C-alpha atoms as a PDB file:
ATOM      1  CA  MET A   1       0.000   0.000   0.000  1.00  0.00           C
ATOM      2  CA  GLY A   2       2.981   2.287  -0.119  1.00  0.00           C
ATOM      3  CA  HIS A   3       3.605   4.855   2.589  1.00  0.00           C
ATOM      4  CA  GLU A   4       0.055   6.156   2.905  1.00  0.00           C
ATOM      5  CA  GLU A   5      -1.264   6.352   6.413  1.00  0.00           C
ATOM      6  CA  ILE A   6      -4.213   4.169   7.401  1.00  0.00           C
ATOM      7  CA  ARG A   7      -6.003   5.896  10.251  1.00  0.00           C
ATOM      8  CA  ARG A   8      -8.404   4.487  12.819  1.00  0.00           C
ATOM      9  CA  PRO A   9     -11.128   3.310  12.533  1.00  0.00           C
ATOM     10  CA  PHE A  10      -9.890   1.831   9.230  1.00  0.00           C
ATOM     11  CA  SER A  11      -7.709  -1.268   8.970  1.00  0.00           C
ATOM     12  CA  ASP A  12      -7.288  -1.241   5.184  1.00  0.00           C
ATOM     13  CA  VAL A  13      -8.007   1.171   2.324  1.00  0.00           C
ATOM     14  CA  HIS A  14      -7.231   0.668  -1.334  1.00  0.00           C
ATOM     15  CA  ARG A  15      -8.250   2.173  -4.630  1.00  0.00           C
ATOM     16  CA  LYS A  16      -8.829   0.581  -8.032  1.00  0.00           C
ATOM     17  CA  GLY A  17      -9.864   2.998 -10.741  1.00  0.00           C
ATOM     18  CA  ASP A  18     -12.637   5.138  -9.340  1.00  0.00           C
ATOM     19  CA  GLU A  19     -13.649   2.584  -6.677  1.00  0.00           C
ATOM     20  CA  VAL A  20     -12.418   2.712  -3.086  1.00  0.00           C
ATOM     21  CA  VAL A  21     -12.696  -0.275  -0.740  1.00  0.00           C
ATOM     22  CA  ALA A  22     -12.245   0.630   2.937  1.00  0.00           C
ATOM     23  CA  THR A  23     -12.297  -1.980   5.721  1.00  0.00           C
ATOM     24  CA  LEU A  24     -13.260  -0.833   9.199  1.00  0.00           C
ATOM     25  CA  LEU A  25     -11.771  -2.164  12.390  1.00  0.00           C
ATOM     26  CA  HIS A  26     -14.336  -4.208  14.270  1.00  0.00           C
ATOM     27  CA  ASP A  27     -14.673  -4.141  18.018  1.00  0.00           C
ATOM     28  CA  PRO A  28     -16.514  -7.360  18.903  1.00  0.00           C
ATOM     29  CA  ASN A  29     -16.913  -6.350  22.544  1.00  0.00           C
ATOM     30  CA  VAL A  30     -18.979  -3.343  21.531  1.00  0.00           C
ATOM     31  CA  GLU A  31     -21.090  -5.258  19.047  1.00  0.00           C
ATOM     32  CA  GLY A  32     -21.631  -8.327  21.260  1.00  0.00           C
ATOM     33  CA  LEU A  33     -21.194 -10.803  18.409  1.00  0.00           C
ATOM     34  CA  ASP A  34     -21.462 -14.542  19.030  1.00  0.00           C
ATOM     35  CA  VAL A  35     -20.031 -16.848  16.343  1.00  0.00           C
ATOM     36  CA  ALA A  36     -20.584 -20.536  15.625  1.00  0.00           C
ATOM     37  CA  LEU A  37     -18.757 -22.695  13.051  1.00  0.00           C
ATOM     38  CA  TYR A  38     -20.424 -25.757  11.524  1.00  0.00           C
ATOM     39  CA  MET A  39     -18.216 -28.086   9.445  1.00  0.00           C
ATOM     40  CA  ASP A  40     -19.650 -30.624   7.003  1.00  0.00           C
ATOM     41  CA  GLY A  41     -19.295 -34.161   8.383  1.00  0.00           C
ATOM     42  CA  SER A  42     -20.987 -36.078   5.565  1.00  0.00           C
ATOM     43  CA  ALA A  43     -19.362 -39.153   4.005  1.00  0.00           C
ATOM     44  CA  SER A  44     -18.144 -37.226   0.941  1.00  0.00           C
ATOM     45  CA  MET A  45     -15.841 -35.250   3.245  1.00  0.00           C
ATOM     46  CA  GLU A  46     -13.992 -38.329   4.545  1.00  0.00           C
ATOM     47  CA  PRO A  47     -11.166 -38.174   1.938  1.00  0.00           C
ATOM     48  CA  GLU A  48     -10.502 -34.539   2.918  1.00  0.00           C
ATOM     49  CA  TYR A  49     -10.045 -35.425   6.598  1.00  0.00           C
ATOM     50  CA  GLY A  50      -7.758 -38.330   5.690  1.00  0.00           C
ATOM     51  CA  PRO A  51      -7.149 -41.542   7.638  1.00  0.00           C
ATOM     52  CA  ARG A  52      -7.385 -41.786  11.418  1.00  0.00           C
ATOM     53  CA  GLY A  53      -5.620 -43.688  14.156  1.00  0.00           C
ATOM     54  CA  VAL A  54      -2.553 -45.725  13.150  1.00  0.00           C
ATOM     55  CA  LEU A  55      -3.075 -44.993   9.447  1.00  0.00           C
ATOM     56  CA  ALA A  56      -2.856 -41.254  10.090  1.00  0.00           C
ATOM     57  CA  LYS A  57       0.741 -41.699  11.264  1.00  0.00           C
ATOM     58  CA  LEU A  58       1.915 -43.454   8.097  1.00  0.00           C
ATOM     59  CA  GLY A  59       2.206 -40.204   6.163  1.00  0.00           C
ATOM     60  CA  GLY A  60       1.542 -39.559   2.507  1.00  0.00           C
ATOM     61  CA  VAL A  61      -2.126 -38.652   3.082  1.00  0.00           C
ATOM     62  CA  ARG A  62      -2.835 -35.464   4.960  1.00  0.00           C
ATOM     63  CA  ASN A  63      -5.828 -33.913   6.650  1.00  0.00           C
ATOM     64  CA  ASN A  64      -6.787 -30.998   4.378  1.00  0.00           C
ATOM     65  CA  VAL A  65      -9.521 -29.774   6.713  1.00  0.00           C
ATOM     66  CA  GLU A  66      -7.571 -29.364   9.958  1.00  0.00           C
ATOM     67  CA  PRO A  67      -5.307 -26.444   8.961  1.00  0.00           C
ATOM     68  CA  GLN A  68      -8.286 -24.623   7.454  1.00  0.00           C
ATOM     69  CA  MET A  69     -10.364 -25.175  10.603  1.00  0.00           C
ATOM     70  CA  ARG A  70      -7.548 -23.835  12.770  1.00  0.00           C
ATOM     71  CA  TRP A  71      -7.132 -20.758  10.568  1.00  0.00           C
ATOM     72  CA  MET A  72     -10.876 -20.024  10.560  1.00  0.00           C
ATOM     73  CA  LEU A  73     -11.219 -20.480  14.304  1.00  0.00           C
ATOM     74  CA  GLU A  74      -8.333 -18.153  15.089  1.00  0.00           C
ATOM     75  CA  TYR A  75      -9.746 -15.555  12.721  1.00  0.00           C
ATOM     76  CA  LEU A  76     -13.361 -15.855  13.859  1.00  0.00           C
ATOM     77  CA  ALA A  77     -12.338 -15.745  17.531  1.00  0.00           C
ATOM     78  CA  THR A  78     -11.104 -12.179  16.931  1.00  0.00           C
ATOM     79  CA  LYS A  79     -14.680 -11.241  15.941  1.00  0.00           C
ATOM     80  CA  ASP A  80     -16.454 -13.028  18.786  1.00  0.00           C
ATOM     81  CA  ARG A  81     -17.467 -11.060  21.901  1.00  0.00           C
ATOM     82  CA  ASN A  82     -15.604 -13.435  24.269  1.00  0.00           C
ATOM     83  CA  GLY A  83     -13.223 -15.084  21.790  1.00  0.00           C
ATOM     84  CA  VAL A  84     -14.912 -18.482  22.199  1.00  0.00           C
ATOM     85  CA  LEU A  85     -16.764 -20.199  19.346  1.00  0.00           C
ATOM     86  CA  ARG A  86     -19.323 -22.976  19.263  1.00  0.00           C
ATOM     87  CA  VAL A  87     -17.904 -25.620  16.890  1.00  0.00           C
ATOM     88  CA  ALA A  88     -19.704 -28.674  15.541  1.00  0.00           C
ATOM     89  CA  TYR A  89     -19.654 -31.200  12.718  1.00  0.00           C
ATOM     90  CA  TRP A  90     -23.014 -31.402  10.942  1.00  0.00           C
ATOM     91  CA  ALA A  91     -24.639 -33.845   8.501  1.00  0.00           C
ATOM     92  CA  THR A  92     -23.310 -36.742  10.590  1.00  0.00           C
ATOM     93  CA  GLY A  93     -24.885 -40.144  11.339  1.00  0.00           C
ATOM     94  CA  ASP A  94     -28.014 -40.438   9.203  1.00  0.00           C
ATOM     95  CA  GLY A  95     -27.297 -36.966   7.811  1.00  0.00           C
ATOM     96  CA  THR A  96     -29.479 -35.097  10.293  1.00  0.00           C
ATOM     97  CA  GLN A  97     -27.218 -35.233  13.334  1.00  0.00           C
ATOM     98  CA  LEU A  98     -24.659 -32.838  14.822  1.00  0.00           C
ATOM     99  CA  GLU A  99     -21.514 -33.798  16.698  1.00  0.00           C
ATOM    100  CA  LEU A 100     -20.541 -30.936  18.995  1.00  0.00           C
ATOM    101  CA  VAL A 101     -16.769 -30.406  19.030  1.00  0.00           C
ATOM    102  CA  GLY A 102     -17.022 -27.875  21.854  1.00  0.00           C
ATOM    103  CA  ASP A 103     -16.555 -24.227  22.764  1.00  0.00           C
ATOM    104  CA  LEU A 104     -13.097 -23.341  21.444  1.00  0.00           C
ATOM    105  CA  SER A 105     -10.959 -20.213  21.779  1.00  0.00           C
ATOM    106  CA  GLY A 106      -8.504 -18.855  19.217  1.00  0.00           C
ATOM    107  CA  PRO A 107      -5.401 -20.015  21.159  1.00  0.00           C
ATOM    108  CA  GLN A 108      -6.905 -23.501  21.537  1.00  0.00           C
ATOM    109  CA  ALA A 109      -7.407 -23.704  17.786  1.00  0.00           C
ATOM    110  CA  LYS A 110      -3.663 -23.597  17.072  1.00  0.00           C
ATOM    111  CA  GLU A 111      -3.159 -27.130  18.388  1.00  0.00           C
ATOM    112  CA  PHE A 112      -6.661 -28.583  18.290  1.00  0.00           C
ATOM    113  CA  LYS A 113      -7.139 -31.807  16.320  1.00  0.00           C
ATOM    114  CA  PHE A 114      -9.931 -32.014  13.764  1.00  0.00           C
ATOM    115  CA  PRO A 115      -9.919 -35.637  12.592  1.00  0.00           C
ATOM    116  CA  GLY A 116     -13.511 -35.460  11.398  1.00  0.00           C
ATOM    117  CA  PRO A 117     -16.743 -36.695  13.005  1.00  0.00           C
ATOM    118  CA  LYS A 118     -17.051 -40.050  14.725  1.00  0.00           C
ATOM    119  CA  PHE A 119     -19.792 -41.074  12.295  1.00  0.00           C
ATOM    120  CA  TYR A 120     -19.714 -39.635   8.781  1.00  0.00           C
ATOM    121  CA  GLY A 121     -23.200 -38.764   7.554  1.00  0.00           C
ATOM    122  CA  LYS A 122     -25.263 -40.535   4.921  1.00  0.00           C
ATOM    123  CA  GLY A 123     -26.850 -37.306   3.769  1.00  0.00           C
ATOM    124  CA  THR A 124     -26.598 -33.512   3.997  1.00  0.00           C
ATOM    125  CA  VAL A 125     -29.506 -32.077   5.991  1.00  0.00           C
ATOM    126  CA  MET A 126     -29.005 -28.479   7.135  1.00  0.00           C
ATOM    127  CA  LEU A 127     -32.157 -27.688   9.121  1.00  0.00           C
ATOM    128  CA  PRO A 128     -30.680 -29.166  12.366  1.00  0.00           C
ATOM    129  CA  VAL A 129     -27.801 -26.668  12.053  1.00  0.00           C
ATOM    130  CA  LEU A 130     -30.191 -23.725  12.012  1.00  0.00           C
ATOM    131  CA  ARG A 131     -32.212 -25.089  14.922  1.00  0.00           C
ATOM    132  CA  ASP A 132     -29.021 -25.631  16.920  1.00  0.00           C
ATOM    133  CA  PHE A 133     -27.783 -22.110  16.221  1.00  0.00           C
ATOM    134  CA  ILE A 134     -31.108 -20.480  17.156  1.00  0.00           C
ATOM    135  CA  ALA A 135     -31.205 -22.445  20.434  1.00  0.00           C
ATOM    136  CA  TYR A 136     -27.603 -21.365  21.067  1.00  0.00           C
ATOM    137  CA  MET A 137     -28.416 -17.711  20.361  1.00  0.00           C
ATOM    138  CA  LYS A 138     -31.391 -17.779  22.734  1.00  0.00           C
ATOM    139  CA  GLU A 139     -29.047 -19.085  25.431  1.00  0.00           C
ATOM    140  CA  VAL A 140     -26.210 -16.584  24.908  1.00  0.00           C
ATOM    141  CA  GLN A 141     -28.610 -13.692  24.473  1.00  0.00           C
ATOM    142  CA  THR A 142     -29.096 -13.861  28.228  1.00  0.00           C
ATOM    143  CA  LYS A 143     -25.305 -13.559  28.645  1.00  0.00           C
ATOM    144  CA  GLY A 144     -24.744 -10.428  26.588  1.00  0.00           C
ATOM    145  CA  ALA A 145     -24.894 -11.544  22.951  1.00  0.00           C
ATOM    146  CA  ARG A 146     -26.360  -8.814  20.759  1.00  0.00           C
ATOM    147  CA  GLN A 147     -25.925 -10.361  17.322  1.00  0.00           C
ATOM    148  CA  GLY A 148     -25.103 -13.766  15.881  1.00  0.00           C
ATOM    149  CA  LEU A 149     -23.099 -15.225  13.020  1.00  0.00           C
ATOM    150  CA  ALA A 150     -23.182 -18.843  11.863  1.00  0.00           C
ATOM    151  CA  VAL A 151     -20.506 -20.003   9.412  1.00  0.00           C
ATOM    152  CA  ILE A 152     -21.575 -23.197   7.633  1.00  0.00           C
ATOM    153  CA  ILE A 153     -19.287 -25.241   5.353  1.00  0.00           C
ATOM    154  CA  THR A 154     -20.566 -27.865   2.911  1.00  0.00           C
ATOM    155  CA  ASP A 155     -19.201 -29.896   0.009  1.00  0.00           C
ATOM    156  CA  SER A 156     -22.551 -31.337  -1.107  1.00  0.00           C
ATOM    157  CA  GLN A 157     -26.007 -30.571  -2.395  1.00  0.00           C
ATOM    158  CA  LEU A 158     -28.482 -30.007   0.449  1.00  0.00           C
ATOM    159  CA  TYR A 159     -31.285 -32.519   0.903  1.00  0.00           C
ATOM    160  CA  ASP A 160     -33.635 -30.023   2.566  1.00  0.00           C
ATOM    161  CA  ALA A 161     -33.265 -26.652   0.811  1.00  0.00           C
ATOM    162  CA  GLU A 162     -37.015 -25.925   0.980  1.00  0.00           C
ATOM    163  CA  ASP A 163     -37.080 -26.601   4.738  1.00  0.00           C
ATOM    164  CA  VAL A 164     -34.067 -24.291   5.165  1.00  0.00           C
ATOM    165  CA  LYS A 165     -35.837 -21.503   3.269  1.00  0.00           C
ATOM    166  CA  ALA A 166     -39.055 -21.919   5.269  1.00  0.00           C
ATOM    167  CA  TYR A 167     -37.178 -21.899   8.590  1.00  0.00           C
ATOM    168  CA  SER A 168     -35.141 -18.860   7.503  1.00  0.00           C
ATOM    169  CA  ARG A 169     -38.389 -16.956   6.968  1.00  0.00           C
ATOM    170  CA  LYS A 170     -39.450 -17.749  10.533  1.00  0.00           C
ATOM    171  CA  VAL A 171     -36.053 -16.636  11.864  1.00  0.00           C
ATOM    172  CA  ALA A 172     -36.324 -13.370   9.920  1.00  0.00           C
ATOM    173  CA  GLU A 173     -39.778 -12.726  11.413  1.00  0.00           C
ATOM    174  CA  GLU A 174     -38.420 -13.328  14.924  1.00  0.00           C
ATOM    175  CA  VAL A 175     -35.508 -10.932  14.327  1.00  0.00           C
ATOM    176  CA  VAL A 176     -37.785  -8.217  12.952  1.00  0.00           C
ATOM    177  CA  ALA A 177     -40.125  -8.661  15.934  1.00  0.00           C
ATOM    178  CA  GLY A 178     -37.169  -8.269  18.314  1.00  0.00           C
ATOM    179  CA  ARG A 179     -37.516 -11.758  19.785  1.00  0.00           C
ATOM    180  CA  LEU A 180     -34.150 -12.785  18.328  1.00  0.00           C
ATOM    181  CA  PRO A 181     -31.024 -10.618  17.965  1.00  0.00           C
ATOM    182  CA  PRO A 182     -29.832  -9.661  14.463  1.00  0.00           C
ATOM    183  CA  MET A 183     -27.931 -12.503  12.805  1.00  0.00           C
ATOM    184  CA  ASN A 184     -26.317 -13.653   9.584  1.00  0.00           C
ATOM    185  CA  PHE A 185     -25.602 -17.008   8.002  1.00  0.00           C
ATOM    186  CA  VAL A 186     -22.441 -17.431   5.918  1.00  0.00           C
ATOM    187  CA  LEU A 187     -22.598 -20.476   3.627  1.00  0.00           C
ATOM    188  CA  VAL A 188     -19.392 -21.644   1.932  1.00  0.00           C
ATOM    189  CA  GLY A 189     -19.492 -24.455  -0.619  1.00  0.00           C
ATOM    190  CA  VAL A 190     -16.315 -26.379  -1.416  1.00  0.00           C
ATOM    191  CA  GLY A 191     -15.651 -28.481  -4.501  1.00  0.00           C
ATOM    192  CA  ALA A 192     -17.527 -29.626  -7.592  1.00  0.00           C
ATOM    193  CA  LYS A 193     -20.440 -31.397  -5.844  1.00  0.00           C
ATOM    194  CA  VAL A 194     -22.077 -28.313  -4.352  1.00  0.00           C
ATOM    195  CA  ASP A 195     -25.268 -27.053  -5.957  1.00  0.00           C
ATOM    196  CA  GLU A 196     -24.568 -23.375  -6.455  1.00  0.00           C
ATOM    197  CA  GLU A 197     -27.982 -22.673  -7.931  1.00  0.00           C
ATOM    198  CA  GLN A 198     -29.535 -24.099  -4.752  1.00  0.00           C
ATOM    199  CA  MET A 199     -27.227 -21.953  -2.598  1.00  0.00           C
ATOM    200  CA  GLU A 200     -28.183 -18.843  -4.566  1.00  0.00           C
ATOM    201  CA  GLU A 201     -31.904 -19.539  -4.056  1.00  0.00           C
ATOM    202  CA  ILE A 202     -31.352 -19.652  -0.288  1.00  0.00           C
ATOM    203  CA  CYS A 203     -28.980 -16.696  -0.073  1.00  0.00           C
ATOM    204  CA  HIS A 204     -30.699 -14.282  -2.436  1.00  0.00           C
ATOM    205  CA  GLU A 205     -34.037 -14.340  -0.624  1.00  0.00           C
ATOM    206  CA  GLU A 206     -34.938 -11.010   0.977  1.00  0.00           C
ATOM    207  CA  TYR A 207     -37.102 -10.745   4.080  1.00  0.00           C
ATOM    208  CA  PRO A 208     -39.514  -7.870   4.856  1.00  0.00           C
ATOM    209  CA  GLY A 209     -38.013  -5.369   7.275  1.00  0.00           C
ATOM    210  CA  LEU A 210     -34.655  -7.174   7.298  1.00  0.00           C
ATOM    211  CA  GLY A 211     -33.192  -7.690   3.833  1.00  0.00           C
ATOM    212  CA  HIS A 212     -30.812 -10.641   3.514  1.00  0.00           C
ATOM    213  CA  LEU A 213     -30.020 -13.250   6.160  1.00  0.00           C
ATOM    214  CA  TRP A 214     -27.606 -15.325   4.064  1.00  0.00           C
ATOM    215  CA  CYS A 215     -24.545 -14.827   1.907  1.00  0.00           C
ATOM    216  CA  HIS A 216     -22.460 -17.434   0.086  1.00  0.00           C
ATOM    217  CA  ARG A 217     -19.431 -18.210  -2.028  1.00  0.00           C
ATOM    218  CA  VAL A 218     -18.046 -21.372  -3.625  1.00  0.00           C
ATOM    219  CA  ALA A 219     -14.388 -22.410  -3.392  1.00  0.00           C
ATOM    220  CA  ASP A 220     -12.907 -24.910  -5.817  1.00  0.00           C
ATOM    221  CA  ARG A 221     -10.585 -26.492  -3.262  1.00  0.00           C
ATOM    222  CA  MET A 222     -10.533 -27.087   0.494  1.00  0.00           C
ATOM    223  CA  GLU A 223      -7.343 -24.993   0.701  1.00  0.00           C
ATOM    224  CA  GLU A 224      -9.320 -21.888  -0.322  1.00  0.00           C
ATOM    225  CA  MET A 225     -12.023 -22.338   2.298  1.00  0.00           C
ATOM    226  CA  ALA A 226     -10.637 -20.275   5.189  1.00  0.00           C
ATOM    227  CA  ASP A 227      -9.710 -17.400   2.901  1.00  0.00           C
ATOM    228  CA  LEU A 228     -13.267 -17.252   1.570  1.00  0.00           C
ATOM    229  CA  VAL A 229     -14.776 -17.353   5.043  1.00  0.00           C
ATOM    230  CA  ALA A 230     -12.642 -14.378   6.079  1.00  0.00           C
ATOM    231  CA  VAL A 231     -13.784 -12.368   3.050  1.00  0.00           C
ATOM    232  CA  LEU A 232     -17.462 -13.152   3.591  1.00  0.00           C
ATOM    233  CA  VAL A 233     -17.431 -12.579   7.338  1.00  0.00           C
ATOM    234  CA  ASP A 234     -15.879  -9.136   6.997  1.00  0.00           C
ATOM    235  CA  GLU A 235     -18.393  -8.198   4.305  1.00  0.00           C
ATOM    236  CA  THR A 236     -21.197  -9.432   6.570  1.00  0.00           C
ATOM    237  CA  MET A 237     -20.125  -7.626   9.759  1.00  0.00           C
ATOM    238  CA  THR A 238     -22.307  -4.715  10.833  1.00  0.00           C
ATOM    239  CA  VAL A 239     -20.338  -1.924  12.506  1.00  0.00           C
ATOM    240  CA  ALA A 240     -23.142   0.594  13.053  1.00  0.00           C
ATOM    241  CA  ASP A 241     -26.749   1.195  12.017  1.00  0.00           C
ATOM    242  CA  HIS A 242     -25.973   4.020   9.593  1.00  0.00           C
ATOM    243  CA  GLY A 243     -23.202   6.250   8.225  1.00  0.00           C
ATOM    244  CA  VAL A 244     -22.325   8.737   5.476  1.00  0.00           C
ATOM    245  CA  VAL A 245     -19.187   8.940   3.300  1.00  0.00           C
ATOM    246  CA  TYR A 246     -18.063  12.342   1.923  1.00  0.00           C
ATOM    247  CA  ASP A 247     -15.370  13.261  -0.579  1.00  0.00           C
ATOM    248  CA  ASP A 248     -12.675  15.865   0.112  1.00  0.00           C
ATOM    249  CA  GLN A 249     -15.001  18.623  -1.152  1.00  0.00           C
ATOM    250  CA  GLY A 250     -17.785  17.705   1.266  1.00  0.00           C
ATOM    251  CA  ASN A 251     -20.000  16.009  -1.340  1.00  0.00           C
ATOM    252  CA  VAL A 252     -21.907  12.884  -0.280  1.00  0.00           C
ATOM    253  CA  LEU A 253     -20.411   9.792  -1.925  1.00  0.00           C
ATOM    254  CA  ARG A 254     -22.624   7.206  -0.250  1.00  0.00           C
ATOM    255  CA  ARG A 255     -25.235   6.924   2.482  1.00  0.00           C
ATOM    256  CA  TYR A 256     -25.642   3.722   4.483  1.00  0.00           C
ATOM    257  CA  GLU A 257     -29.125   3.427   5.990  1.00  0.00           C
ATOM    258  CA  GLY A 258     -30.010   0.639   8.405  1.00  0.00           C
ATOM    259  CA  ARG A 259     -26.603  -1.015   8.307  1.00  0.00           C
ATOM    260  CA  LEU A 260     -23.006   0.185   8.053  1.00  0.00           C
ATOM    261  CA  PRO A 261     -20.966  -2.848   6.924  1.00  0.00           C
ATOM    262  CA  ALA A 262     -17.359  -3.474   7.913  1.00  0.00           C
ATOM    263  CA  VAL A 263     -16.317  -3.247   4.248  1.00  0.00           C
ATOM    264  CA  LEU A 264     -17.273   0.031   2.546  1.00  0.00           C
ATOM    265  CA  ARG A 265     -17.325   0.299  -1.258  1.00  0.00           C
ATOM    266  CA  PHE A 266     -17.903   3.618  -2.972  1.00  0.00           C
ATOM    267  CA  THR A 267     -16.979   5.544  -6.119  1.00  0.00           C
ATOM    268  CA  VAL A 268     -14.852   8.701  -5.957  1.00  0.00           C
ATOM    269  CA  PRO A 269     -14.072  11.447  -8.498  1.00  0.00           C
ATOM    270  CA  GLU A 270     -10.710  11.039 -10.226  1.00  0.00           C
ATOM    271  CA  SER A 271      -9.282  14.087  -8.417  1.00  0.00           C
ATOM    272  CA  CYS A 272     -10.418  12.909  -4.950  1.00  0.00           C
ATOM    273  CA  ARG A 273      -7.507  12.324  -2.560  1.00  0.00           C
ATOM    274  CA  ALA A 274      -9.347  11.738   0.747  1.00  0.00           C
ATOM    275  CA  PHE A 275     -12.754  10.843   2.124  1.00  0.00           C
ATOM    276  CA  THR A 276     -14.563  11.321   5.440  1.00  0.00           C
ATOM    277  CA  LEU A 277     -16.791   8.818   7.215  1.00  0.00           C
ATOM    278  CA  GLU A 278     -19.460  10.232   9.505  1.00  0.00           C
ATOM    279  CA  VAL A 279     -20.755   7.660  11.989  1.00  0.00           C
ATOM    280  CA  GLY A 280     -22.191   7.897  15.491  1.00  0.00           C
ATOM    281  CA  GLY A 281     -21.822  11.689  15.559  1.00  0.00           C
ATOM    282  CA  GLN A 282     -18.078  11.479  14.773  1.00  0.00           C
ATOM    283  CA  ARG A 283     -16.205  12.315  11.559  1.00  0.00           C
ATOM    284  CA  TYR A 284     -13.112  10.397  10.457  1.00  0.00           C
ATOM    285  CA  GLU A 285     -10.965  11.681   7.586  1.00  0.00           C
ATOM    286  CA  GLN A 286      -8.867   9.142   5.645  1.00  0.00           C
ATOM    287  CA  PRO A 287      -6.399   9.862   2.797  1.00  0.00           C
ATOM    288  CA  ILE A 288      -6.917   7.614  -0.248  1.00  0.00           C
ATOM    289  CA  PRO A 289      -3.802   5.601  -1.220  1.00  0.00           C
ATOM    290  CA  GLU A 290      -2.634   5.669  -4.806  1.00  0.00           C
ATOM    291  CA  GLU A 291      -4.041   2.946  -7.027  1.00  0.00           C
ATOM    292  CA  GLU A 292      -2.357  -0.430  -6.727  1.00  0.00           C
ATOM    293  CA  HIS A 293      -1.211  -2.597  -9.627  1.00  0.00           C
ATOM    294  CA  HIS A 294      -0.451  -6.057  -8.247  1.00  0.00           C
ATOM    295  CA  GLU A 295      -3.571  -8.132  -8.845  1.00  0.00           C
ATOM    296  CA  GLU A 296      -1.616 -10.823 -10.713  1.00  0.00           C
ATOM    297  CA  GLU A 297       0.690 -11.252  -7.729  1.00  0.00           C
ATOM    298  CA  GLU A 298      -2.322 -11.692  -5.424  1.00  0.00           C
ATOM    299  CA  GLU A 299      -3.649 -14.511  -7.616  1.00  0.00           C
ATOM    300  CA  GLU A 300      -0.437 -16.461  -7.074  1.00  0.00           C
ATOM    301  CA  ALA A 301      -0.069 -15.744  -3.365  1.00  0.00           C
ATOM    302  CA  PRO A 302      -0.460 -18.673  -0.969  1.00  0.00           C
ATOM    303  CA  ALA A 303      -3.207 -18.720   1.648  1.00  0.00           C
ATOM    304  CA  PRO A 304      -2.303 -16.280   4.439  1.00  0.00           C
ATOM    305  CA  ALA A 305      -1.158 -17.305   7.881  1.00  0.00           C
ATOM    306  CA  ALA A 306      -3.689 -16.840  10.665  1.00  0.00           C
ATOM    307  CA  ALA A 307      -2.117 -13.674  11.998  1.00  0.00           C
ATOM    308  CA  SER A 308      -1.540 -12.091   8.571  1.00  0.00           C
ATOM    309  CA  PRO A 309      -3.861  -9.692   6.768  1.00  0.00           C
ATOM    310  CA  TRP A 310      -5.585 -11.577   3.972  1.00  0.00           C
ATOM    311  CA  GLN A 311      -6.457 -10.296   0.533  1.00  0.00           C
ATOM    312  CA  PRO A 312      -9.826 -11.067  -1.041  1.00  0.00           C
ATOM    313  CA  ARG A 313      -9.476 -13.184  -4.174  1.00  0.00           C
ATOM    314  CA  ARG A 314     -11.813 -13.908  -7.058  1.00  0.00           C
ATOM    315  CA  HIS A 315     -14.150 -16.812  -6.393  1.00  0.00           C
ATOM    316  CA  ARG A 316     -17.458 -18.065  -7.695  1.00  0.00           C
ATOM    317  CA  GLY A 317     -20.558 -16.946  -5.883  1.00  0.00           C
ATOM    318  CA  HIS A 318     -21.809 -13.797  -4.334  1.00  0.00           C
ATOM    319  CA  GLY A 319     -22.228 -11.924  -1.117  1.00  0.00           C
ATOM    320  CA  HIS A 320     -25.637 -10.529  -0.366  1.00  0.00           C
END
């Protein structure tokens, strides 16, 4: 990014053409966010987890899921209000069951083993995930949770997409009525067996008084999974209920009504060298860095380490 100064409350600002993308720092303690991570445990995932027990020590076949789970947990723990995530395998047993891994913190994730579920599932039924998360949110709401985020990973077509859509409508009604806190569902598909059209039907539905509940992307390989989750989660985060962005001449560039996301995207005049964000009665001026020209290098870069800033990459699928 050169020598330009990134000022609080921004963690990253870059320009491409006339578009500026500015990422806001997120204070999970203020927002009271509770996060849960649900990892696909259906039979099609077994090759990705690799062999267990004595066979796991022979080498040559590695667990592709474990490093991605560790990376995601460390990252998501930085967003969670108490740094502890609910983690479970889903689509286990007959395909409708969940195997709770436990409540894990970021530091625990560095060494935690993720060998896969005890009983790989014979189907991929998602409704139990949603029911589990809603029950969890009702519990933690009494302990200070003010919003929820469920990250759900799958490598298969869902058996119960219509049930998921119907239940999502009920959840949206409860949120709008104030009986449930605001929440989002992040759905990440991995591999060639996911049904992206089905995912889009679920994620593109809008609910009266709320908008979207879901967002999704599809990664080609397991090794891209954690990177995609990071991108989607930051785009999904809500920092405040509204805000206004001005250019360096005081003109309004964009108004955010109802929700100020953690990632701001807006268009600026060619001559614009700074912008100001007005939020919560405060104004924050931020110089705009010069345009970058290293997209090709980003395409070749390996997945980032847990503590490193990641760069969004091009993937199939959409946000909201």
